[in-house]
Protein backbone atom coordinates (compact mmCIF):
# COMPACT_ATOMS: atom_id res chain seq x y z
CA UNK A 1 -5.54 126.52 -113.06
CA UNK A 2 -7.31 126.15 -109.78
CA UNK A 3 -8.07 128.95 -107.61
CA UNK A 4 -6.54 128.33 -103.95
CA UNK A 5 -3.95 125.47 -104.31
CA UNK A 6 -0.54 127.14 -105.23
CA UNK A 7 1.23 129.12 -102.43
CA UNK A 8 1.45 132.86 -101.92
CA UNK A 9 4.61 133.50 -100.05
CA UNK A 10 6.84 133.44 -102.95
CA UNK A 11 9.64 135.35 -102.46
CA UNK A 12 13.64 135.79 -103.54
CA UNK A 13 15.80 132.84 -102.50
CA UNK A 14 19.36 132.13 -103.08
CA UNK A 15 20.49 128.59 -103.40
CA UNK A 16 23.79 127.86 -102.89
CA UNK A 17 26.01 125.14 -104.20
CA UNK A 18 28.16 123.65 -101.81
CA UNK A 19 30.42 121.82 -104.20
CA UNK A 20 31.52 124.37 -105.93
CA UNK A 21 30.18 127.87 -104.29
CA UNK A 22 27.73 129.13 -106.86
CA UNK A 23 25.21 130.95 -105.90
CA UNK A 24 21.70 131.43 -107.68
CA UNK A 25 18.80 133.49 -107.03
CA UNK A 26 15.36 132.45 -107.89
CA UNK A 27 11.24 132.48 -106.88
CA UNK A 28 10.72 130.00 -104.07
CA UNK A 29 8.68 128.99 -100.90
CA UNK A 30 11.40 126.74 -99.06
CA UNK A 31 11.86 127.62 -95.58
CA UNK A 32 15.30 128.24 -94.00
CA UNK A 33 16.79 129.97 -91.03
CA UNK A 34 19.99 130.76 -92.57
CA UNK A 35 20.78 134.00 -94.73
CA UNK A 36 23.38 134.78 -97.26
CA UNK A 37 24.63 138.22 -98.45
CA UNK A 38 24.88 138.64 -102.05
CA UNK A 39 25.62 142.05 -103.70
CA UNK A 40 24.51 143.89 -100.65
CA UNK A 41 21.37 142.40 -100.43
CA UNK A 42 20.44 139.71 -97.76
CA UNK A 43 18.83 136.24 -99.12
CA UNK A 44 17.31 133.47 -97.22
CA UNK A 45 19.74 130.44 -98.90
CA UNK A 46 18.93 126.81 -99.49
CA UNK A 47 22.16 124.30 -99.84
CA UNK A 48 21.99 122.52 -102.59
CA UNK A 49 24.62 119.08 -103.09
CA UNK A 50 24.57 119.87 -106.47
CA UNK A 51 22.91 121.94 -108.90
CA UNK A 52 23.41 122.61 -112.82
CA UNK A 53 27.04 124.25 -112.21
CA UNK A 54 28.31 120.95 -110.83
CA UNK A 55 25.91 118.32 -112.25
CA UNK A 56 27.86 116.25 -114.94
CA UNK A 57 25.35 115.94 -117.41
CA UNK A 58 24.85 119.86 -117.93
CA UNK A 59 29.20 120.49 -117.25
CA UNK A 60 30.33 117.62 -119.25
CA UNK A 61 32.29 116.67 -116.72
CA UNK A 62 32.76 113.55 -114.67
CA UNK A 63 33.25 114.89 -111.09
CA UNK A 64 33.00 112.37 -107.93
CA UNK A 65 31.53 114.86 -104.76
CA UNK A 66 31.17 112.47 -101.32
CA UNK A 67 29.53 114.92 -98.91
CA UNK A 68 28.45 111.99 -96.90
CA UNK A 69 32.18 110.67 -96.79
CA UNK A 70 30.05 107.22 -98.62
CA UNK A 71 33.41 105.98 -99.70
CA UNK A 72 35.04 105.90 -96.18
CA UNK A 73 32.25 103.93 -94.84
CA UNK A 74 32.45 101.32 -97.46
CA UNK A 75 35.84 101.44 -97.03
CA UNK A 76 35.60 100.42 -93.38
CA UNK A 77 32.71 98.49 -93.86
CA UNK A 78 34.58 95.65 -95.89
CA UNK A 79 38.04 96.24 -94.76
CA UNK A 80 37.50 93.29 -93.14
CA UNK A 81 37.32 91.10 -95.90
CA UNK A 82 40.72 92.39 -97.12
CA UNK A 83 43.74 89.76 -97.30
């Protein structure tokens, strides 16, 4: 590996899947201002829309996650064409 191109500030971070509330701890350099307590220890938290515990490829289940309201936006946009 080349010297001096990799970040030095790796630390333990909690990643939280917002679709199923799963939390896992791993090292990261991602910046965040929020924290989360896990097993009595406070970690910086990164919120995810989807992770290995909710992705259909890994779970084998098809699941609709509409956190941004995309379906409602679509229905409202095309409601005027409804007869």
